Amino acid sequence: SVSAPLAAIRAQHPLLHCISNIVSANDCANLALAIGAAHHAQAPQEMADIAALAGAVVLITGLPDEAKFTAARTAGATANRRSIPVVLDPVGVGASPWRLANIQSLLQQVQPAIVRVTPGRPPPAGPWRQRARVDSLTAPKAPAGLAAALAQRLGCVVLLSGTEDLIADG
C-alpha cells in the first residue's frame, strides 16, 4: 500500500533538497509539500549546508549553467559523504557536448542511488540533425534491457520513464 510510506514521510517531515530548474521547480516544490517534505535551494554557496540536513537530494539538470553543475556536484558529494540518497534526473543529457561532459563529470564525483531517465528519440534527419530531443513519446526497442544495462553500468537503481515506466537495479 502507498499510504504507509506516505504516512511515514509525513510523520518525519524530512528535508528534500531539490536542485531543479524553472520548468519543474513549482511542480517539484508542490509535490514535495504535498507529502510533507520540502526544500529548494539554488545558491552554490549553501549547497553543502542544505544537503547535509537533507533526507534526500534530487538533482535535475535541465536548463543548466555552470553554477547549477557546481551546486549539483557540491550537494551530491556532501550527500554521498553522509550516506544521504541522491536522485539524478539528467534532463537533456544529449542536448549538447557541454551538457553531456558536465553530467559525466557529475557522475564521476557523485554516486546516485537512483537515476531517472527518459529515452530520447534520435535526432531528426536533415538540416536539424544536431537538434537533440529531451523527451520521447516512443518507447525504446528493449526498455527492460536498456534499464538493466544502465543500472549495472552506473551501479544504482534506474527509473526508465516512458509509455511504460520501468525500475531496474542491474
N, C-alpha and C. Protein backbone atom coordinates (compact mmCIF):
# COMPACT_ATOMS: atom_id res chain seq x y z
N SER A 1 0.83 -1.18 0.00
CA SER A 1 0.00 0.00 0.00
C SER A 1 0.88 1.26 0.00
N VAL A 2 0.43 2.26 -0.70
CA VAL A 2 1.16 3.53 -0.78
C VAL A 2 0.95 4.36 0.48
N SER A 3 -0.14 4.15 1.19
CA SER A 3 -0.46 5.01 2.33
C SER A 3 0.54 4.89 3.48
N ALA A 4 1.09 3.72 3.75
CA ALA A 4 2.04 3.56 4.86
C ALA A 4 3.33 4.35 4.63
N PRO A 5 3.98 4.24 3.45
CA PRO A 5 5.18 5.07 3.24
C PRO A 5 4.88 6.57 3.27
N LEU A 6 3.75 6.98 2.72
CA LEU A 6 3.39 8.41 2.76
C LEU A 6 3.16 8.88 4.19
N ALA A 7 2.53 8.05 4.99
CA ALA A 7 2.31 8.41 6.39
C ALA A 7 3.64 8.54 7.13
N ALA A 8 4.57 7.66 6.83
CA ALA A 8 5.90 7.72 7.48
C ALA A 8 6.63 9.00 7.08
N ILE A 9 6.54 9.37 5.81
CA ILE A 9 7.18 10.61 5.35
C ILE A 9 6.55 11.81 6.04
N ARG A 10 5.24 11.82 6.10
CA ARG A 10 4.55 12.96 6.73
C ARG A 10 4.88 13.06 8.22
N ALA A 11 5.06 11.92 8.88
CA ALA A 11 5.39 11.94 10.31
C ALA A 11 6.80 12.44 10.55
N GLN A 12 7.71 12.16 9.64
CA GLN A 12 9.12 12.56 9.81
C GLN A 12 9.40 13.98 9.34
N HIS A 13 8.61 14.50 8.42
CA HIS A 13 8.86 15.81 7.81
C HIS A 13 10.31 15.96 7.35
N PRO A 14 10.78 15.03 6.51
CA PRO A 14 12.18 15.11 6.08
C PRO A 14 12.42 16.29 5.14
N LEU A 15 13.65 16.72 5.11
CA LEU A 15 14.04 17.78 4.21
C LEU A 15 14.42 17.14 2.87
N LEU A 16 13.79 17.56 1.81
CA LEU A 16 14.12 17.10 0.46
C LEU A 16 14.81 18.27 -0.22
N HIS A 17 16.10 18.13 -0.44
CA HIS A 17 16.87 19.18 -1.10
C HIS A 17 16.82 18.92 -2.60
N CYS A 18 16.12 19.77 -3.30
CA CYS A 18 15.89 19.57 -4.74
C CYS A 18 16.50 20.73 -5.52
N ILE A 19 17.48 20.40 -6.35
CA ILE A 19 18.04 21.39 -7.27
C ILE A 19 17.34 21.13 -8.60
N SER A 20 16.38 21.95 -8.92
CA SER A 20 15.59 21.74 -10.13
C SER A 20 15.84 22.87 -11.11
N ASN A 21 14.90 23.05 -12.01
CA ASN A 21 15.02 24.13 -12.99
C ASN A 21 13.71 24.90 -13.02
N ILE A 22 13.69 25.99 -13.75
CA ILE A 22 12.48 26.83 -13.76
C ILE A 22 11.28 26.11 -14.34
N VAL A 23 11.52 25.12 -15.17
CA VAL A 23 10.41 24.37 -15.76
C VAL A 23 9.74 23.49 -14.72
N SER A 24 10.53 22.86 -13.85
CA SER A 24 9.97 21.87 -12.92
C SER A 24 9.95 22.32 -11.46
N ALA A 25 10.52 23.46 -11.13
CA ALA A 25 10.64 23.86 -9.72
C ALA A 25 9.30 23.93 -9.00
N ASN A 26 8.30 24.53 -9.60
CA ASN A 26 7.00 24.65 -8.95
C ASN A 26 6.37 23.28 -8.73
N ASP A 27 6.42 22.42 -9.73
CA ASP A 27 5.86 21.08 -9.58
C ASP A 27 6.60 20.29 -8.51
N CYS A 28 7.93 20.36 -8.53
CA CYS A 28 8.73 19.65 -7.52
C CYS A 28 8.40 20.14 -6.12
N ALA A 29 8.33 21.44 -5.96
CA ALA A 29 8.02 22.01 -4.64
C ALA A 29 6.63 21.59 -4.17
N ASN A 30 5.65 21.67 -5.04
CA ASN A 30 4.29 21.31 -4.64
C ASN A 30 4.13 19.82 -4.36
N LEU A 31 4.80 18.97 -5.14
CA LEU A 31 4.74 17.53 -4.87
C LEU A 31 5.40 17.20 -3.54
N ALA A 32 6.55 17.81 -3.27
CA ALA A 32 7.23 17.57 -2.00
C ALA A 32 6.39 18.09 -0.83
N LEU A 33 5.82 19.27 -0.99
CA LEU A 33 4.97 19.82 0.07
C LEU A 33 3.75 18.93 0.32
N ALA A 34 3.21 18.36 -0.73
CA ALA A 34 2.02 17.51 -0.60
C ALA A 34 2.29 16.26 0.23
N ILE A 35 3.53 15.79 0.24
CA ILE A 35 3.84 14.61 1.05
C ILE A 35 4.57 14.99 2.35
N GLY A 36 4.74 16.27 2.58
CA GLY A 36 5.31 16.73 3.84
C GLY A 36 6.82 16.84 3.86
N ALA A 37 7.46 16.91 2.71
CA ALA A 37 8.93 17.01 2.67
C ALA A 37 9.30 18.05 1.63
N ALA A 38 9.98 19.11 2.04
CA ALA A 38 10.29 20.10 1.03
C ALA A 38 11.41 21.03 1.42
N HIS A 39 12.20 21.36 0.45
CA HIS A 39 13.12 22.49 0.50
C HIS A 39 13.82 22.59 -0.84
N HIS A 40 13.97 23.78 -1.29
CA HIS A 40 14.72 24.05 -2.51
C HIS A 40 15.78 25.09 -2.16
N ALA A 41 16.92 24.96 -2.76
CA ALA A 41 17.97 25.95 -2.61
C ALA A 41 18.64 26.09 -3.96
N GLN A 42 19.18 27.23 -4.22
CA GLN A 42 19.76 27.48 -5.53
C GLN A 42 21.20 27.94 -5.46
N ALA A 43 21.58 28.68 -4.45
CA ALA A 43 22.92 29.26 -4.38
C ALA A 43 23.97 28.18 -4.13
N PRO A 44 25.00 28.11 -4.97
CA PRO A 44 26.06 27.12 -4.76
C PRO A 44 26.71 27.26 -3.38
N GLN A 45 26.71 28.47 -2.82
CA GLN A 45 27.35 28.72 -1.53
C GLN A 45 26.67 27.99 -0.36
N GLU A 46 25.39 27.61 -0.51
CA GLU A 46 24.69 26.94 0.59
C GLU A 46 24.44 25.46 0.33
N MET A 47 24.93 24.93 -0.77
CA MET A 47 24.64 23.55 -1.14
C MET A 47 25.11 22.53 -0.11
N ALA A 48 26.32 22.64 0.37
CA ALA A 48 26.83 21.66 1.34
C ALA A 48 26.02 21.70 2.63
N ASP A 49 25.70 22.90 3.11
CA ASP A 49 24.94 23.03 4.36
C ASP A 49 23.53 22.46 4.23
N ILE A 50 22.86 22.77 3.15
CA ILE A 50 21.48 22.30 2.96
C ILE A 50 21.48 20.78 2.72
N ALA A 51 22.39 20.29 1.88
CA ALA A 51 22.44 18.85 1.60
C ALA A 51 22.74 18.04 2.86
N ALA A 52 23.57 18.58 3.74
CA ALA A 52 23.92 17.87 4.97
C ALA A 52 22.72 17.66 5.89
N LEU A 53 21.70 18.50 5.76
CA LEU A 53 20.50 18.39 6.58
C LEU A 53 19.41 17.55 5.94
N ALA A 54 19.58 17.21 4.67
CA ALA A 54 18.51 16.59 3.89
C ALA A 54 18.34 15.11 4.18
N GLY A 55 17.12 14.64 3.92
CA GLY A 55 16.84 13.21 3.93
C GLY A 55 17.11 12.61 2.57
N ALA A 56 17.12 13.45 1.55
CA ALA A 56 17.45 13.04 0.17
C ALA A 56 17.79 14.29 -0.62
N VAL A 57 18.60 14.10 -1.66
CA VAL A 57 18.99 15.18 -2.55
C VAL A 57 18.56 14.80 -3.96
N VAL A 58 17.86 15.70 -4.63
CA VAL A 58 17.40 15.47 -6.00
C VAL A 58 18.08 16.49 -6.91
N LEU A 59 18.75 15.98 -7.95
CA LEU A 59 19.47 16.82 -8.89
C LEU A 59 18.83 16.70 -10.27
N ILE A 60 18.22 17.78 -10.74
CA ILE A 60 17.58 17.81 -12.05
C ILE A 60 18.41 18.76 -12.91
N THR A 61 18.99 18.25 -13.99
CA THR A 61 19.98 19.03 -14.74
C THR A 61 19.41 19.82 -15.92
N GLY A 62 18.10 19.90 -16.04
CA GLY A 62 17.53 20.68 -17.13
C GLY A 62 17.85 22.16 -17.00
N LEU A 63 17.96 22.86 -18.11
CA LEU A 63 18.29 24.28 -18.17
C LEU A 63 19.54 24.60 -17.35
N PRO A 64 20.63 23.88 -17.60
CA PRO A 64 21.81 24.03 -16.75
C PRO A 64 22.66 25.24 -17.09
N ASP A 65 23.48 25.60 -16.11
CA ASP A 65 24.56 26.56 -16.31
C ASP A 65 25.69 26.11 -15.39
N GLU A 66 26.79 26.79 -15.44
CA GLU A 66 27.96 26.37 -14.65
C GLU A 66 27.64 26.36 -13.16
N ALA A 67 26.89 27.36 -12.68
CA ALA A 67 26.54 27.43 -11.26
C ALA A 67 25.69 26.23 -10.84
N LYS A 68 24.76 25.81 -11.71
CA LYS A 68 23.91 24.66 -11.37
C LYS A 68 24.75 23.39 -11.25
N PHE A 69 25.69 23.18 -12.18
CA PHE A 69 26.52 21.97 -12.10
C PHE A 69 27.44 22.03 -10.88
N THR A 70 27.94 23.20 -10.54
CA THR A 70 28.76 23.35 -9.33
C THR A 70 27.92 23.01 -8.10
N ALA A 71 26.72 23.54 -8.06
CA ALA A 71 25.81 23.27 -6.94
C ALA A 71 25.48 21.79 -6.85
N ALA A 72 25.20 21.16 -7.98
CA ALA A 72 24.85 19.74 -8.00
C ALA A 72 26.02 18.88 -7.52
N ARG A 73 27.23 19.19 -7.98
CA ARG A 73 28.40 18.42 -7.53
C ARG A 73 28.60 18.57 -6.02
N THR A 74 28.46 19.79 -5.51
CA THR A 74 28.64 20.03 -4.08
C THR A 74 27.57 19.32 -3.25
N ALA A 75 26.31 19.50 -3.63
CA ALA A 75 25.22 18.86 -2.88
C ALA A 75 25.32 17.34 -2.96
N GLY A 76 25.59 16.83 -4.15
CA GLY A 76 25.68 15.37 -4.32
C GLY A 76 26.84 14.77 -3.55
N ALA A 77 28.00 15.40 -3.60
CA ALA A 77 29.17 14.89 -2.88
C ALA A 77 28.95 14.94 -1.36
N THR A 78 28.33 16.01 -0.88
CA THR A 78 28.01 16.11 0.54
C THR A 78 27.05 15.00 0.94
N ALA A 79 26.02 14.78 0.13
CA ALA A 79 25.06 13.72 0.41
C ALA A 79 25.75 12.36 0.45
N ASN A 80 26.62 12.09 -0.52
CA ASN A 80 27.34 10.82 -0.54
C ASN A 80 28.16 10.61 0.73
N ARG A 81 28.88 11.64 1.16
CA ARG A 81 29.71 11.53 2.37
C ARG A 81 28.86 11.21 3.60
N ARG A 82 27.61 11.65 3.60
CA ARG A 82 26.73 11.45 4.76
C ARG A 82 25.73 10.31 4.56
N SER A 83 25.92 9.53 3.50
CA SER A 83 25.02 8.40 3.17
C SER A 83 23.57 8.85 2.98
N ILE A 84 23.40 10.02 2.40
CA ILE A 84 22.08 10.54 2.06
C ILE A 84 21.81 10.19 0.61
N PRO A 85 20.67 9.58 0.31
CA PRO A 85 20.40 9.18 -1.08
C PRO A 85 20.34 10.37 -2.03
N VAL A 86 20.88 10.15 -3.23
CA VAL A 86 20.87 11.15 -4.29
C VAL A 86 20.08 10.60 -5.47
N VAL A 87 19.16 11.40 -5.97
CA VAL A 87 18.41 11.07 -7.18
C VAL A 87 18.87 12.02 -8.27
N LEU A 88 19.26 11.47 -9.41
CA LEU A 88 19.72 12.28 -10.53
C LEU A 88 18.76 12.13 -11.70
N ASP A 89 18.31 13.26 -12.23
CA ASP A 89 17.49 13.29 -13.45
C ASP A 89 18.28 14.11 -14.47
N PRO A 90 19.06 13.42 -15.32
CA PRO A 90 19.92 14.13 -16.27
C PRO A 90 19.15 14.60 -17.51
N VAL A 91 18.28 15.55 -17.30
CA VAL A 91 17.41 16.05 -18.36
C VAL A 91 18.25 16.55 -19.54
N GLY A 92 17.92 16.07 -20.71
CA GLY A 92 18.57 16.54 -21.92
C GLY A 92 20.05 16.22 -21.99
N VAL A 93 20.44 15.07 -21.43
CA VAL A 93 21.86 14.72 -21.35
C VAL A 93 22.57 14.82 -22.70
N GLY A 94 21.87 14.54 -23.79
CA GLY A 94 22.49 14.59 -25.11
C GLY A 94 22.24 15.87 -25.87
N ALA A 95 21.73 16.90 -25.20
CA ALA A 95 21.36 18.13 -25.91
C ALA A 95 22.57 18.87 -26.46
N SER A 96 23.72 18.75 -25.79
CA SER A 96 24.93 19.41 -26.26
C SER A 96 26.14 18.68 -25.70
N PRO A 97 27.28 18.79 -26.36
CA PRO A 97 28.50 18.19 -25.80
C PRO A 97 28.86 18.76 -24.42
N TRP A 98 28.61 20.05 -24.20
CA TRP A 98 28.89 20.68 -22.91
C TRP A 98 28.05 20.04 -21.81
N ARG A 99 26.76 19.85 -22.06
CA ARG A 99 25.88 19.26 -21.04
C ARG A 99 26.29 17.82 -20.76
N LEU A 100 26.57 17.06 -21.81
CA LEU A 100 26.99 15.67 -21.65
C LEU A 100 28.27 15.60 -20.81
N ALA A 101 29.25 16.44 -21.11
CA ALA A 101 30.50 16.44 -20.36
C ALA A 101 30.28 16.79 -18.89
N ASN A 102 29.40 17.74 -18.61
CA ASN A 102 29.12 18.12 -17.23
C ASN A 102 28.37 17.02 -16.47
N ILE A 103 27.48 16.33 -17.14
CA ILE A 103 26.77 15.23 -16.47
C ILE A 103 27.73 14.07 -16.23
N GLN A 104 28.62 13.79 -17.19
CA GLN A 104 29.63 12.76 -16.96
C GLN A 104 30.54 13.14 -15.80
N SER A 105 30.94 14.40 -15.72
CA SER A 105 31.75 14.87 -14.59
C SER A 105 30.99 14.73 -13.27
N LEU A 106 29.73 15.05 -13.28
CA LEU A 106 28.90 14.90 -12.10
C LEU A 106 28.88 13.45 -11.64
N LEU A 107 28.73 12.52 -12.60
CA LEU A 107 28.69 11.10 -12.26
C LEU A 107 30.04 10.57 -11.78
N GLN A 108 31.11 11.25 -12.12
CA GLN A 108 32.43 10.85 -11.60
C GLN A 108 32.61 11.29 -10.15
N GLN A 109 31.88 12.31 -9.74
CA GLN A 109 32.03 12.86 -8.39
C GLN A 109 30.90 12.49 -7.45
N VAL A 110 29.76 12.06 -7.99
CA VAL A 110 28.58 11.78 -7.18
C VAL A 110 28.04 10.41 -7.57
N GLN A 111 27.76 9.58 -6.55
CA GLN A 111 27.15 8.27 -6.80
C GLN A 111 25.66 8.37 -6.47
N PRO A 112 24.82 8.42 -7.51
CA PRO A 112 23.39 8.48 -7.24
C PRO A 112 22.85 7.14 -6.76
N ALA A 113 21.80 7.19 -5.96
CA ALA A 113 21.08 5.98 -5.57
C ALA A 113 20.09 5.61 -6.67
N ILE A 114 19.54 6.64 -7.32
CA ILE A 114 18.55 6.46 -8.39
C ILE A 114 18.87 7.43 -9.51
N VAL A 115 18.82 6.94 -10.74
CA VAL A 115 18.90 7.80 -11.91
C VAL A 115 17.59 7.63 -12.67
N ARG A 116 16.94 8.75 -12.96
CA ARG A 116 15.69 8.74 -13.72
C ARG A 116 16.00 9.20 -15.14
N VAL A 117 15.66 8.37 -16.09
CA VAL A 117 15.93 8.73 -17.48
C VAL A 117 14.68 8.56 -18.33
N THR A 118 14.60 9.37 -19.34
CA THR A 118 13.58 9.25 -20.37
C THR A 118 14.33 9.08 -21.68
N PRO A 119 14.17 7.94 -22.33
CA PRO A 119 14.92 7.74 -23.56
C PRO A 119 14.53 8.75 -24.62
N GLY A 120 15.50 9.37 -25.23
CA GLY A 120 15.25 10.36 -26.26
C GLY A 120 15.14 9.73 -27.63
N ARG A 121 14.38 10.35 -28.45
CA ARG A 121 14.31 9.91 -29.84
C ARG A 121 15.58 10.32 -30.55
N PRO A 122 15.96 9.57 -31.57
CA PRO A 122 17.12 10.01 -32.33
C PRO A 122 16.84 11.36 -32.97
N PRO A 123 17.88 12.19 -33.15
CA PRO A 123 17.65 13.48 -33.77
C PRO A 123 17.08 13.30 -35.18
N PRO A 124 16.25 14.22 -35.60
CA PRO A 124 15.68 14.10 -36.94
C PRO A 124 16.75 14.28 -38.01
N ALA A 125 16.50 13.71 -39.15
CA ALA A 125 17.43 13.85 -40.28
C ALA A 125 17.30 15.25 -40.88
N GLY A 126 18.23 15.58 -41.73
CA GLY A 126 18.15 16.85 -42.43
C GLY A 126 18.95 17.93 -41.75
N PRO A 127 18.63 19.18 -42.04
CA PRO A 127 19.43 20.29 -41.55
C PRO A 127 19.40 20.45 -40.03
N TRP A 128 18.43 19.86 -39.37
CA TRP A 128 18.32 19.99 -37.91
C TRP A 128 18.93 18.79 -37.20
N ARG A 129 19.82 18.08 -37.85
CA ARG A 129 20.40 16.85 -37.33
C ARG A 129 20.99 17.02 -35.92
N GLN A 130 21.55 18.18 -35.59
CA GLN A 130 22.18 18.38 -34.29
C GLN A 130 21.17 18.63 -33.18
N ARG A 131 19.93 18.89 -33.55
CA ARG A 131 18.93 19.17 -32.52
C ARG A 131 18.62 17.90 -31.72
N ALA A 132 18.77 17.96 -30.44
CA ALA A 132 18.51 16.80 -29.59
C ALA A 132 17.11 16.90 -29.00
N ARG A 133 16.53 15.80 -28.77
CA ARG A 133 15.22 15.76 -28.13
C ARG A 133 15.40 15.33 -26.69
N VAL A 134 14.75 16.02 -25.79
CA VAL A 134 14.89 15.73 -24.38
C VAL A 134 14.01 14.55 -23.99
N ASP A 135 12.78 14.57 -24.37
CA ASP A 135 11.85 13.52 -24.01
C ASP A 135 11.38 12.78 -25.25
N SER A 136 10.85 11.61 -25.01
CA SER A 136 10.42 10.78 -26.12
C SER A 136 8.99 10.31 -25.92
N LEU A 137 8.26 10.30 -26.98
CA LEU A 137 6.91 9.72 -26.94
C LEU A 137 6.94 8.28 -27.41
N THR A 138 8.08 7.81 -27.89
CA THR A 138 8.21 6.44 -28.36
C THR A 138 9.07 5.66 -27.39
N ALA A 139 8.73 4.39 -27.22
CA ALA A 139 9.47 3.54 -26.30
C ALA A 139 10.69 2.95 -26.99
N PRO A 140 11.78 2.72 -26.25
CA PRO A 140 12.93 2.05 -26.84
C PRO A 140 12.56 0.61 -27.21
N LYS A 141 13.34 0.01 -28.10
CA LYS A 141 13.01 -1.34 -28.57
C LYS A 141 13.06 -2.38 -27.46
N ALA A 142 13.99 -2.27 -26.53
CA ALA A 142 14.12 -3.22 -25.43
C ALA A 142 14.28 -2.45 -24.12
N PRO A 143 13.20 -1.84 -23.63
CA PRO A 143 13.34 -0.96 -22.47
C PRO A 143 13.86 -1.66 -21.22
N ALA A 144 13.43 -2.88 -20.95
CA ALA A 144 13.89 -3.58 -19.75
C ALA A 144 15.39 -3.84 -19.82
N GLY A 145 15.86 -4.26 -20.97
CA GLY A 145 17.29 -4.48 -21.15
C GLY A 145 18.09 -3.20 -21.04
N LEU A 146 17.56 -2.12 -21.61
CA LEU A 146 18.21 -0.81 -21.53
C LEU A 146 18.32 -0.34 -20.09
N ALA A 147 17.23 -0.45 -19.34
CA ALA A 147 17.23 -0.03 -17.95
C ALA A 147 18.18 -0.88 -17.12
N ALA A 148 18.17 -2.19 -17.31
CA ALA A 148 19.06 -3.09 -16.56
C ALA A 148 20.52 -2.82 -16.87
N ALA A 149 20.86 -2.62 -18.13
CA ALA A 149 22.25 -2.36 -18.52
C ALA A 149 22.73 -1.03 -17.94
N LEU A 150 21.89 -0.02 -17.97
CA LEU A 150 22.27 1.28 -17.43
C LEU A 150 22.44 1.20 -15.91
N ALA A 151 21.55 0.47 -15.24
CA ALA A 151 21.65 0.30 -13.79
C ALA A 151 22.95 -0.41 -13.42
N GLN A 152 23.30 -1.41 -14.18
CA GLN A 152 24.53 -2.14 -13.90
C GLN A 152 25.75 -1.25 -14.14
N ARG A 153 25.73 -0.50 -15.24
CA ARG A 153 26.86 0.37 -15.57
C ARG A 153 27.04 1.49 -14.54
N LEU A 154 25.94 2.06 -14.06
CA LEU A 154 26.01 3.16 -13.11
C LEU A 154 26.07 2.70 -11.65
N GLY A 155 25.75 1.44 -11.40
CA GLY A 155 25.78 0.93 -10.04
C GLY A 155 24.69 1.50 -9.16
N CYS A 156 23.51 1.70 -9.74
CA CYS A 156 22.40 2.26 -8.97
C CYS A 156 21.08 1.78 -9.57
N VAL A 157 20.00 2.19 -8.96
CA VAL A 157 18.67 1.90 -9.48
C VAL A 157 18.38 2.88 -10.61
N VAL A 158 17.76 2.39 -11.67
CA VAL A 158 17.38 3.24 -12.80
C VAL A 158 15.86 3.20 -12.95
N LEU A 159 15.27 4.38 -13.02
CA LEU A 159 13.86 4.52 -13.33
C LEU A 159 13.79 5.00 -14.77
N LEU A 160 13.27 4.16 -15.64
CA LEU A 160 13.14 4.49 -17.05
C LEU A 160 11.69 4.87 -17.31
N SER A 161 11.46 6.16 -17.59
CA SER A 161 10.11 6.65 -17.84
C SER A 161 9.79 6.56 -19.32
N GLY A 162 8.57 6.28 -19.61
CA GLY A 162 8.14 6.20 -21.00
C GLY A 162 6.68 5.80 -21.04
N THR A 163 6.29 5.14 -22.12
CA THR A 163 4.91 4.67 -22.18
C THR A 163 4.63 3.65 -21.08
N GLU A 164 5.67 2.95 -20.66
CA GLU A 164 5.60 2.06 -19.51
C GLU A 164 6.83 2.37 -18.66
N ASP A 165 6.61 2.73 -17.40
CA ASP A 165 7.73 3.04 -16.52
C ASP A 165 8.34 1.74 -16.01
N LEU A 166 9.67 1.70 -15.98
CA LEU A 166 10.39 0.51 -15.50
C LEU A 166 11.39 0.91 -14.45
N ILE A 167 11.61 0.00 -13.49
CA ILE A 167 12.64 0.20 -12.48
C ILE A 167 13.56 -1.00 -12.55
N ALA A 168 14.87 -0.74 -12.60
CA ALA A 168 15.86 -1.82 -12.69
C ALA A 168 17.01 -1.52 -11.75
N ASP A 169 17.56 -2.59 -11.19
CA ASP A 169 18.74 -2.42 -10.34
C ASP A 169 19.96 -3.14 -10.91
N GLY A 170 19.87 -3.56 -12.17
CA GLY A 170 21.02 -4.19 -12.82
C GLY A 170 21.09 -5.67 -12.56
